[in-house]
């Protein structure tokens, strides 16, 4: 059963929770509030369905129709509003818009709930795509979404699912059969973050600004795409805005010291090729070094087309995007996460002890200290930014 799975390999995809015929599995949070399955043995009938749908236990093979090497594009939306308000170039929004033009279609992706935590959400309303837009750097609670997707697919509805590679694989494993009316998008993932850490970050800001949160916006482009920022708006009209080098949350995520990714992310099964989803999306970091005309500092997406379904989806939106042929060798240098898993800092246990004792800013300043070399680099970067000199990741 699922309780024999090594906890360090569990992705929290929720396939086991969705498949259980007796509601004997609940998803419970650990010290970081990452969700893991917990079995009620009084309800369990030992059917082993939970084990059969677990991608981490059943050694699922990649889908047969995936391209061994993806078709690579650099692209962005022609709609300036979509591009600026998206994490990268707005390709998810354009793909979802194009998909929903046909009847009987549903899009599934991550949204913020009323508490600004993240969960997966199903919609057939074009107006909801704005809620699904933008990266949300905390693990999503998928609840019953896999079961709801299966019901839609069995009614011959078309479904587009967007998630991390492990979430896409979890959905495929749960379904246990191929559906021609299912399309998937994953993203180039550095690792999923702790809900507790994210919540602590927001709580510290709420206390500092003495107001409730109105909007959370990771990779905000106030300072441009290359120097993306974290912006949190409050009901009293105030805002927190810090670029990627100074933002407390990003310092513990994309900095050299990583403290709050899930353990399984340090040994991710879904790096390299072939990819899991029909299309993979990310930022085309570093593209401007070789092709400055393709980096206007507004967001340029790297698009990996991994299947014929993905090719069909992409070609259906060509009139709405600027698209340029590229190759995988051009995409790899700026996307470490495409081939490599991150590592957790060895002080992670101390970090989670201190998280309940310290405000988030002080916590990060303790564990992600700037060295003298770091400070000199920041000063140099700030001078470049002041004079408008573009600095690539």
Protein backbone atom coordinates (compact mmCIF):
# COMPACT_ATOMS: atom_id res chain seq x y z
CA UNK A 1 0.00 0.00 0.00
CA UNK A 2 0.92 3.65 -0.24
CA UNK A 3 2.25 3.65 3.34
CA UNK A 4 5.27 1.64 2.15
CA UNK A 5 6.39 4.51 -0.09
CA UNK A 6 9.56 6.24 1.05
CA UNK A 7 8.39 9.66 2.19
CA UNK A 8 11.32 11.32 0.44
CA UNK A 9 9.97 10.07 -2.91
CA UNK A 10 6.36 11.23 -2.46
CA UNK A 11 5.48 14.20 -4.68
CA UNK A 12 2.13 14.91 -3.02
CA UNK A 13 0.34 14.54 -6.35
CA UNK A 14 -2.84 13.19 -4.65
CA UNK A 15 -3.46 10.32 -7.10
CA UNK A 16 -3.75 7.89 -4.18
CA UNK A 17 -6.21 10.15 -2.38
CA UNK A 18 -8.35 10.45 -5.49
CA UNK A 19 -8.42 6.73 -6.31
CA UNK A 20 -9.33 5.32 -2.87
CA UNK A 21 -12.83 3.76 -3.11
CA UNK A 22 -13.40 3.89 0.66
CA UNK A 23 -12.14 7.40 1.41
CA UNK A 24 -9.49 5.80 3.60
CA UNK A 25 -6.70 8.19 2.55
CA UNK A 26 -6.34 11.78 3.68
CA UNK A 27 -3.62 14.22 2.66
CA UNK A 28 -1.94 15.50 5.83
CA UNK A 29 0.68 18.20 6.21
CA UNK A 30 4.14 17.65 7.67
CA UNK A 31 6.25 20.24 9.51
CA UNK A 32 6.55 22.26 6.28
CA UNK A 33 2.84 21.70 5.49
CA UNK A 34 3.72 19.58 2.46
CA UNK A 35 0.89 17.10 1.95
CA UNK A 36 1.43 13.35 2.34
CA UNK A 37 -1.07 10.45 2.26
CA UNK A 38 -2.23 9.03 5.59
CA UNK A 39 -4.26 5.81 5.72
CA UNK A 40 -7.23 5.13 8.00
CA UNK A 41 -6.77 1.39 8.46
CA UNK A 42 -10.30 0.96 9.83
CA UNK A 43 -11.62 1.99 6.38
CA UNK A 44 -8.89 0.42 4.20
CA UNK A 45 -9.88 -2.72 2.27
CA UNK A 46 -6.32 -3.39 1.02
CA UNK A 47 -7.28 -3.10 -2.66
CA UNK A 48 -3.83 -1.63 -3.39
CA UNK A 49 -5.24 0.85 -5.91
CA UNK A 50 -3.27 3.57 -4.14
CA UNK A 51 -0.03 1.75 -4.93
CA UNK A 52 -1.03 1.04 -8.52
CA UNK A 53 -1.62 4.72 -9.33
CA UNK A 54 1.45 6.03 -7.50
CA UNK A 55 3.96 7.19 -10.12
CA UNK A 56 6.74 7.02 -7.52
CA UNK A 57 6.03 3.36 -6.70
CA UNK A 58 4.97 1.82 -9.99
CA UNK A 59 7.91 2.95 -12.16
CA UNK A 60 5.65 4.53 -14.76
CA UNK A 61 7.14 4.67 -18.23
CA UNK A 62 7.04 7.92 -20.17
CA UNK A 63 4.24 8.07 -22.70
CA UNK A 64 5.13 6.38 -25.96
CA UNK A 65 4.22 9.29 -28.19
CA UNK A 66 6.65 11.78 -26.62
CA UNK A 67 9.43 13.18 -28.80
CA UNK A 68 12.87 12.07 -27.67
CA UNK A 69 14.03 15.64 -28.23
CA UNK A 70 11.49 18.49 -28.17
CA UNK A 71 10.77 21.07 -30.85
CA UNK A 72 12.02 24.33 -29.30
CA UNK A 73 10.57 27.80 -29.75
CA UNK A 74 11.15 31.27 -28.32
CA UNK A 75 7.81 33.07 -28.17
CA UNK A 76 5.60 35.71 -26.58
CA UNK A 77 2.04 36.94 -26.85
CA UNK A 78 1.23 39.77 -29.24
CA UNK A 79 -1.19 41.03 -26.58
CA UNK A 80 0.97 43.42 -24.54
CA UNK A 81 -1.34 43.21 -21.51
CA UNK A 82 -1.10 39.42 -21.40
CA UNK A 83 2.66 39.49 -21.85
CA UNK A 84 3.34 42.04 -19.10
CA UNK A 85 0.95 40.38 -16.66
CA UNK A 86 2.35 36.90 -17.24
CA UNK A 87 5.40 35.27 -15.67
CA UNK A 88 7.21 34.83 -18.98
CA UNK A 89 5.87 35.62 -22.44
CA UNK A 90 2.18 34.83 -21.87
CA UNK A 91 2.20 31.51 -23.72
CA UNK A 92 0.03 29.71 -21.17
CA UNK A 93 -2.70 32.33 -21.56
CA UNK A 94 -2.60 32.12 -25.35
CA UNK A 95 -2.66 28.31 -25.33
CA UNK A 96 -5.55 28.25 -22.86
CA UNK A 97 -7.47 30.89 -24.83
CA UNK A 98 -7.01 28.97 -28.05
CA UNK A 99 -8.05 25.72 -26.37
CA UNK A 100 -11.24 27.24 -24.93
CA UNK A 101 -12.46 28.57 -28.26
CA UNK A 102 -14.01 25.17 -28.92
CA UNK A 103 -17.11 24.05 -27.03
CA UNK A 104 -17.08 21.54 -24.19
CA UNK A 105 -13.57 22.49 -23.07
CA UNK A 106 -12.10 22.91 -19.57
CA UNK A 107 -8.78 24.27 -18.32
CA UNK A 108 -7.26 23.13 -15.02
CA UNK A 109 -4.51 25.07 -13.26
CA UNK A 110 -3.38 26.64 -10.00
CA UNK A 111 -5.10 29.64 -8.41
CA UNK A 112 -4.88 31.56 -5.14
CA UNK A 113 -7.77 30.88 -2.77
CA UNK A 114 -9.23 33.45 -0.36
CA UNK A 115 -6.34 32.89 2.05
CA UNK A 116 -3.84 33.26 -0.83
CA UNK A 117 -2.80 29.62 -0.53
CA UNK A 118 -2.66 27.67 -3.79
CA UNK A 119 -5.01 25.00 -5.10
CA UNK A 120 -5.92 23.52 -8.48
CA UNK A 121 -9.11 24.78 -10.09
CA UNK A 122 -11.24 23.69 -13.06
CA UNK A 123 -12.96 26.22 -15.30
CA UNK A 124 -14.70 26.53 -18.65
CA UNK A 125 -14.94 30.32 -18.37
CA UNK A 126 -12.55 32.50 -20.39
CA UNK A 127 -12.65 35.20 -17.68
CA UNK A 128 -11.08 32.80 -15.17
CA UNK A 129 -7.85 32.45 -17.15
CA UNK A 130 -6.52 35.57 -15.44
CA UNK A 131 -6.72 33.68 -12.11
CA UNK A 132 -4.69 30.80 -13.55
CA UNK A 133 -2.04 33.09 -15.03
CA UNK A 134 1.39 33.65 -13.39
CA UNK A 135 3.66 31.34 -11.42
CA UNK A 136 2.67 30.53 -7.85
CA UNK A 137 5.75 29.45 -5.93
CA UNK A 138 4.14 27.14 -3.41
CA UNK A 139 2.82 23.58 -3.72
CA UNK A 140 -0.79 23.35 -4.83
CA UNK A 141 -3.47 21.40 -2.98
CA UNK A 142 -5.10 19.32 -5.72
CA UNK A 143 -7.99 18.03 -3.59
CA UNK A 144 -10.41 15.98 -5.79
CA UNK A 145 -9.34 17.54 -9.07
CA UNK A 146 -8.05 14.29 -10.63
CA UNK A 147 -11.41 12.61 -10.07
CA UNK A 148 -13.24 15.59 -11.52
CA UNK A 149 -10.98 15.57 -14.59
CA UNK A 150 -11.68 11.86 -15.13
CA UNK A 151 -15.43 12.50 -14.99
CA UNK A 152 -15.11 15.24 -17.61
CA UNK A 153 -12.96 13.07 -19.88
CA UNK A 154 -15.43 10.19 -19.64
CA UNK A 155 -18.16 12.59 -20.76
CA UNK A 156 -16.03 13.40 -23.84
CA UNK A 157 -15.15 16.91 -22.65
CA UNK A 158 -11.78 18.28 -23.71
CA UNK A 159 -9.47 19.08 -20.78
CA UNK A 160 -6.20 21.04 -20.64
CA UNK A 161 -4.26 20.36 -17.41
CA UNK A 162 -1.37 22.55 -16.29
CA UNK A 163 1.00 21.62 -13.47
CA UNK A 164 4.47 20.58 -12.43
CA UNK A 165 5.86 17.51 -14.27
CA UNK A 166 5.19 15.30 -11.23
CA UNK A 167 1.58 16.53 -11.11
CA UNK A 168 1.08 15.76 -14.80
CA UNK A 169 2.57 12.30 -14.25
CA UNK A 170 0.34 11.85 -11.21
CA UNK A 171 -2.72 12.61 -13.32
CA UNK A 172 -1.67 10.16 -16.04
CA UNK A 173 -1.03 7.47 -13.43
CA UNK A 174 -4.39 8.08 -11.80
CA UNK A 175 -6.27 7.84 -15.11
CA UNK A 176 -4.54 4.55 -16.05
CA UNK A 177 -5.52 4.88 -19.68
CA UNK A 178 -4.89 7.21 -22.58
CA UNK A 179 -7.49 9.91 -23.30
CA UNK A 180 -7.33 11.61 -26.67
CA UNK A 181 -9.32 14.54 -25.22
CA UNK A 182 -6.70 15.27 -22.53
CA UNK A 183 -3.93 17.81 -23.21
CA UNK A 184 -1.19 18.71 -20.75
CA UNK A 185 1.29 21.49 -20.07
CA UNK A 186 4.10 21.31 -17.52
CA UNK A 187 6.71 23.91 -16.62
CA UNK A 188 10.45 23.92 -16.04
CA UNK A 189 10.41 23.38 -12.30
CA UNK A 190 13.18 24.27 -9.85
CA UNK A 191 11.26 22.57 -7.02
CA UNK A 192 7.98 23.09 -5.20
CA UNK A 193 7.97 25.26 -2.08
CA UNK A 194 6.67 24.75 1.44
CA UNK A 195 3.18 26.15 2.12
CA UNK A 196 4.27 26.89 5.70
CA UNK A 197 7.26 28.96 4.59
CA UNK A 198 5.14 30.85 2.07
CA UNK A 199 2.46 31.49 4.72
CA UNK A 200 5.12 32.71 7.18
CA UNK A 201 6.40 35.10 4.50
CA UNK A 202 2.91 36.58 4.05
CA UNK A 203 2.25 36.75 7.80
CA UNK A 204 5.45 38.73 8.37
CA UNK A 205 4.45 41.17 5.63
CA UNK A 206 0.90 41.53 6.99
CA UNK A 207 2.33 42.50 10.37
CA UNK A 208 4.82 44.92 8.84
CA UNK A 209 2.24 46.65 6.62
CA UNK A 210 -0.57 46.31 9.17
CA UNK A 211 -3.05 45.15 6.56
CA UNK A 212 -4.58 42.10 4.91
CA UNK A 213 -3.16 40.88 1.61
CA UNK A 214 -4.99 41.95 -1.53
CA UNK A 215 -2.79 40.36 -4.23
CA UNK A 216 0.34 38.21 -4.46
CA UNK A 217 2.36 38.59 -7.63
CA UNK A 218 5.58 36.60 -8.07
CA UNK A 219 7.88 37.58 -10.94
CA UNK A 220 6.30 40.98 -11.25
CA UNK A 221 7.88 43.04 -14.07
CA UNK A 222 8.02 46.48 -12.48
CA UNK A 223 11.82 46.31 -12.78
CA UNK A 224 11.64 44.26 -15.97
CA UNK A 225 11.57 40.54 -16.71
CA UNK A 226 15.28 39.88 -16.18
CA UNK A 227 15.23 41.47 -12.73
CA UNK A 228 11.80 40.13 -11.82
CA UNK A 229 10.30 41.10 -8.49
CA UNK A 230 7.95 39.83 -5.84
CA UNK A 231 5.04 42.19 -5.28
CA UNK A 232 2.44 41.88 -2.52
CA UNK A 233 -0.37 44.42 -2.50
CA UNK A 234 -2.35 45.19 0.66
CA UNK A 235 -5.89 46.34 1.31
CA UNK A 236 -4.65 49.60 2.86
CA UNK A 237 -3.09 50.59 -0.49
CA UNK A 238 0.53 49.82 0.46
CA UNK A 239 2.78 47.40 -1.45
CA UNK A 240 5.84 45.27 -0.83
CA UNK A 241 8.12 45.19 -3.89
CA UNK A 242 11.61 43.72 -4.03
CA UNK A 243 13.58 42.39 -6.99
CA UNK A 244 14.78 38.78 -7.18
CA UNK A 245 18.11 39.60 -5.52
CA UNK A 246 16.59 41.30 -2.48
CA UNK A 247 13.21 39.60 -1.99
CA UNK A 248 13.25 37.46 1.14
CA UNK A 249 11.22 34.60 -0.34
CA UNK A 250 13.32 34.30 -3.50
CA UNK A 251 16.58 34.41 -1.55
CA UNK A 252 15.71 31.07 0.08
CA UNK A 253 14.39 29.57 -3.16
CA UNK A 254 16.52 30.59 -6.14
CA UNK A 255 19.57 31.66 -4.12
CA UNK A 256 22.53 29.40 -3.41
CA UNK A 257 21.01 28.34 -0.06
CA UNK A 258 17.74 26.43 -0.61
CA UNK A 259 15.65 25.63 2.43
CA UNK A 260 12.05 25.04 1.50
CA UNK A 261 11.69 22.81 -1.53
CA UNK A 262 10.11 19.38 -1.09
CA UNK A 263 12.54 16.53 -0.41
CA UNK A 264 11.55 14.61 -3.57
CA UNK A 265 12.55 17.65 -5.65
CA UNK A 266 16.20 16.98 -4.78
CA UNK A 267 15.96 13.70 -6.72
CA UNK A 268 13.33 14.60 -9.32
CA UNK A 269 12.43 11.76 -11.69
CA UNK A 270 11.26 14.10 -14.42
CA UNK A 271 14.39 15.92 -15.54
CA UNK A 272 15.77 15.62 -19.06
CA UNK A 273 13.99 14.10 -22.03
CA UNK A 274 11.51 13.01 -23.13
CA UNK A 275 9.27 15.40 -21.20
CA UNK A 276 6.08 14.33 -19.45
CA UNK A 277 3.57 16.85 -20.82
CA UNK A 278 2.53 17.69 -24.39
CA UNK A 279 4.11 21.13 -24.00
CA UNK A 280 6.64 22.47 -21.48
CA UNK A 281 6.88 26.19 -20.72
CA UNK A 282 9.52 28.31 -19.02
CA UNK A 283 11.60 31.47 -19.29
CA UNK A 284 14.12 31.66 -22.12
CA UNK A 285 16.82 33.01 -19.83
CA UNK A 286 19.97 34.24 -21.51
CA UNK A 287 18.46 34.38 -25.00
CA UNK A 288 19.20 38.10 -25.24
CA UNK A 289 22.95 37.53 -25.10
CA UNK A 290 22.91 36.00 -28.56
CA UNK A 291 19.64 37.47 -29.87
CA UNK A 292 19.10 40.88 -28.20
CA UNK A 293 16.11 41.56 -30.46
CA UNK A 294 14.29 38.62 -28.83
CA UNK A 295 14.62 40.00 -25.31
CA UNK A 296 12.74 43.24 -24.78
CA UNK A 297 12.81 42.68 -20.98
CA UNK A 298 9.06 42.03 -21.05
CA UNK A 299 9.19 38.24 -20.99
CA UNK A 300 10.20 35.65 -23.57
CA UNK A 301 8.99 32.07 -23.14
CA UNK A 302 10.89 28.93 -23.96
CA UNK A 303 8.42 26.45 -25.45
CA UNK A 304 9.23 22.75 -25.67
CA UNK A 305 6.81 20.88 -27.93
CA UNK A 306 6.92 17.27 -26.80
CA UNK A 307 4.19 15.50 -28.80
CA UNK A 308 1.93 15.77 -31.82
CA UNK A 309 -0.83 17.00 -29.52
CA UNK A 310 1.50 19.72 -28.31
CA UNK A 311 2.38 20.63 -31.89
CA UNK A 312 -1.32 20.89 -32.74
CA UNK A 313 -1.97 23.14 -29.72
CA UNK A 314 0.97 25.40 -30.52
CA UNK A 315 0.20 25.78 -34.21
CA UNK A 316 -3.40 26.73 -33.38
CA UNK A 317 -2.23 29.99 -31.74
CA UNK A 318 0.45 31.14 -34.20
CA UNK A 319 -1.61 34.16 -35.27
CA UNK A 320 -1.60 35.43 -31.68
CA UNK A 321 2.08 35.08 -30.84
CA UNK A 322 5.55 35.98 -32.04
CA UNK A 323 7.34 32.67 -32.55
CA UNK A 324 10.97 31.88 -33.42
CA UNK A 325 12.58 28.51 -34.13
CA UNK A 326 15.34 27.60 -31.68
CA UNK A 327 17.13 24.43 -30.56
CA UNK A 328 17.67 22.66 -27.27
CA UNK A 329 21.33 23.71 -27.09
CA UNK A 330 20.19 27.33 -26.93
CA UNK A 331 17.63 26.61 -24.19
CA UNK A 332 19.81 24.57 -21.83
CA UNK A 333 22.36 27.15 -20.58
CA UNK A 334 19.75 29.42 -18.96
CA UNK A 335 17.59 26.64 -17.58
CA UNK A 336 19.49 24.64 -14.96
CA UNK A 337 16.20 23.04 -13.81
CA UNK A 338 15.61 21.39 -17.17
CA UNK A 339 18.27 18.75 -16.53
CA UNK A 340 19.25 19.11 -12.86
CA UNK A 341 17.68 18.75 -9.41
CA UNK A 342 18.39 21.35 -6.71
CA UNK A 343 19.92 20.54 -3.32
CA UNK A 344 18.61 21.40 0.12
CA UNK A 345 20.86 23.26 2.51
CA UNK A 346 22.27 21.00 5.23
CA UNK A 347 20.83 23.36 7.89
CA UNK A 348 17.22 22.72 6.86
CA UNK A 349 16.28 21.15 10.23
CA UNK A 350 17.53 24.20 12.10
CA UNK A 351 15.63 26.40 9.67
CA UNK A 352 12.31 24.71 10.47
CA UNK A 353 12.98 25.01 14.20
CA UNK A 354 13.60 28.74 13.88
CA UNK A 355 10.68 29.43 11.56
CA UNK A 356 8.24 29.52 14.49
CA UNK A 357 10.52 31.77 16.51
CA UNK A 358 11.52 34.53 14.10
CA UNK A 359 9.95 36.95 11.60
CA UNK A 360 10.56 35.79 8.04
CA UNK A 361 12.95 38.59 7.09
CA UNK A 362 15.19 37.88 10.10
CA UNK A 363 14.99 34.14 9.38
CA UNK A 364 16.26 34.64 5.83
CA UNK A 365 18.94 37.10 6.92
CA UNK A 366 20.18 34.43 9.33
CA UNK A 367 20.26 31.50 6.91
CA UNK A 368 20.86 33.28 3.58
CA UNK A 369 23.48 35.81 4.65
CA UNK A 370 25.10 38.01 2.06
CA UNK A 371 28.87 37.56 1.97
CA UNK A 372 31.11 40.54 1.25
CA UNK A 373 31.42 39.17 -2.29
CA UNK A 374 27.62 39.01 -2.56
CA UNK A 375 27.27 42.60 -1.35
CA UNK A 376 29.82 43.85 -3.87
CA UNK A 377 28.00 41.98 -6.63
CA UNK A 378 24.68 43.53 -5.54
CA UNK A 379 26.16 47.02 -5.54
CA UNK A 380 27.55 46.44 -9.04
CA UNK A 381 24.16 45.11 -10.18
CA UNK A 382 22.29 48.06 -8.65
CA UNK A 383 24.58 50.50 -10.47
CA UNK A 384 23.95 48.69 -13.77
CA UNK A 385 20.22 48.75 -13.22
CA UNK A 386 20.31 52.45 -12.33
CA UNK A 387 21.91 53.20 -15.70
CA UNK A 388 19.58 50.83 -17.55
CA UNK A 389 22.22 48.23 -18.42
CA UNK A 390 20.46 44.90 -18.93
CA UNK A 391 21.70 42.07 -16.73
CA UNK A 392 20.81 38.51 -17.60
CA UNK A 393 20.28 35.64 -15.20
